């Protein structure tokens, strides 16, 4: 683990959109209209279980199920499930989502959800000593520091939005931490400092390098993702460490938070050697309070653990676009986690309705639909709680075999990039470019920029242009930095015109002998969020529930940005060393030789003839010649 961390900055842009890609749902809607046969609800439940199974073992179900009958026809059914019984004190769900990307890569997303109906916010004066599925280490953190929400992520690599589309839950390179504290906390900064030190030990990371010099308090960029949308941003703290290196020592404590660890269930696939030999790897922990019923009469704590990884088929060394669980993770699934009420594997087949692009083996008759980022997607479902999923060999190895070219991917509606311009080592200019690819819809964007204190921003040079015209922000909040105390904070609300490129520029001056690694992000602003977390939907589509399917928000992070700050001319010390060594070698060395060396007279040697004659006379015993 690196021993030094420089000051860090992060830029966040908040975006929400109310429309998906044009014609993105046409195929699925036509398929629903053409279905001719209805299958009895008593045969198959919405989650694929056979009728008569205990509903207590399944806490969420798919809203739509499509079944292939033996006669070749397809049936589609949509119905509202019966109200679920009162939930148990602890619940655990796990799922794996596999999305074949247009680039030929594979995106795998693990989702783990642990529910606990103990409310620390109301019972923090009481000592909670019973922990069954919820990890005790995190429960004690929530209770001690009066944490209302906690979001932390560790990411290695950069998510390529233009090649891979949007992830389920985005995260910036390095480490990211933002926390909402309870309104009863009197010393928020003190709790924040202690909390970062504790989390540093729990996750074996360098979070102890987070201090007030790289911590910001956004006023409009964030809102709670759980209960309590009426917020007071005095109790919010946000910080990033873009230079944080993610490795096995961070993954191991993350896996230990799971009820089954890495011994059973989907977590057995998390082999460090394979996960870190990938193009992108991100692990996160999200804790928030949620409602357990529609009326929100009872509350619970939700722990979301997510792990996203992208496997590159070029780095596999095989040269083939064929994937399987064993090829990706070097392991297969043998059983679900015994403590899980739901354990499923989803494969995105939205772009493969007739199987012309790729083939799945083994095949499944269970199909599920879910709305993800405004797009209605179709998934093949494998229920690991059913014995027939594993077959006679008691082993499940999903194989994906490509048949043809996947074609071009639709351009993401919103994405951004960032770079540094200028010349010299004194001044420069930061450019943030935001693209709106929607043909006729404008989007509001909330931009949050946090810059280290040792970069002196010239805010009067701030410009925002769209289509070569000035784009005046409707809201601006700027908090100047204090040397060695706090960073700059800039928040702006900008309107992105349709099919446009918006550029935000600001000039800065380099001040110290340091290097700074920065990153930026696109995030949503206020959206009509729903507080009903009890809707039956997959985990990957329910992290941020919204009241309308067409209304959603997106968070996008730009690539890390390296700003080189002034450094001294190291040739001067080199020249001094060379000159000093020369003086010592020539001057002092010669004087020392004159003082310590002794001189002797060396007599000339006799000629060769005389030496030869003396040699012969010595052998004969005759006196030598003088």
Foldseek 3Di string as FASTA:
>chain_A
DDPDADAAWAKEKAWWFQFDPPPLCVVVVVVQVPADDADDCQQAPQQGDHHPDDCLLPQFGFQKKWFQDPVRGIHIDGDDDDDDPDHDQKAKAKEWEWEQFLVLWIKIKIKIKMKGQDDLLVCLVPDDDDDQFFDPLVVVLCSPLQWAKKKKKAKDAADDCQGGNAALDDDAAGMKIKTFHDPVDDCLQVSVQVSQVSVCVLQVWVSNPDHQLFKDQDDFFDADLAPDRPDDSVRMIIGGRNPIDDADSRVQSLQVSGNQRCPAAPSVLPDRVLQVLANMKMKMWIWHKAAPAQVSPTIIIMIMIMIMTMHDPVSLPPPFSKDKSCSRRVFWHQAHDPRHSWGKYKYWCSLPPPNQFKDKPPAARIKHWDQGSLRITIIGMQTRHDQPSCPPVSTHMMMIHTNDNSDRDDGHQKAKAKAWDDDDQWKTKIKIKMFGAAAADKIKMKMKIWDGLQKAWDVVPKFKDKPNHGWDFPDWDWDPDDVPRHTIIIITITIHGHGIMMMIMIMITHGDQDKYKYKYKTHHGDAQWDSDQSHRDDPSRRSTHHPDSSIDIGMGMYHIYIRGHDDDDPVVVVVVVVVVVVCCCPPVVVVVCVVPPDDDDDDDDDDPVLVVVQVVCVVVVHDHDD
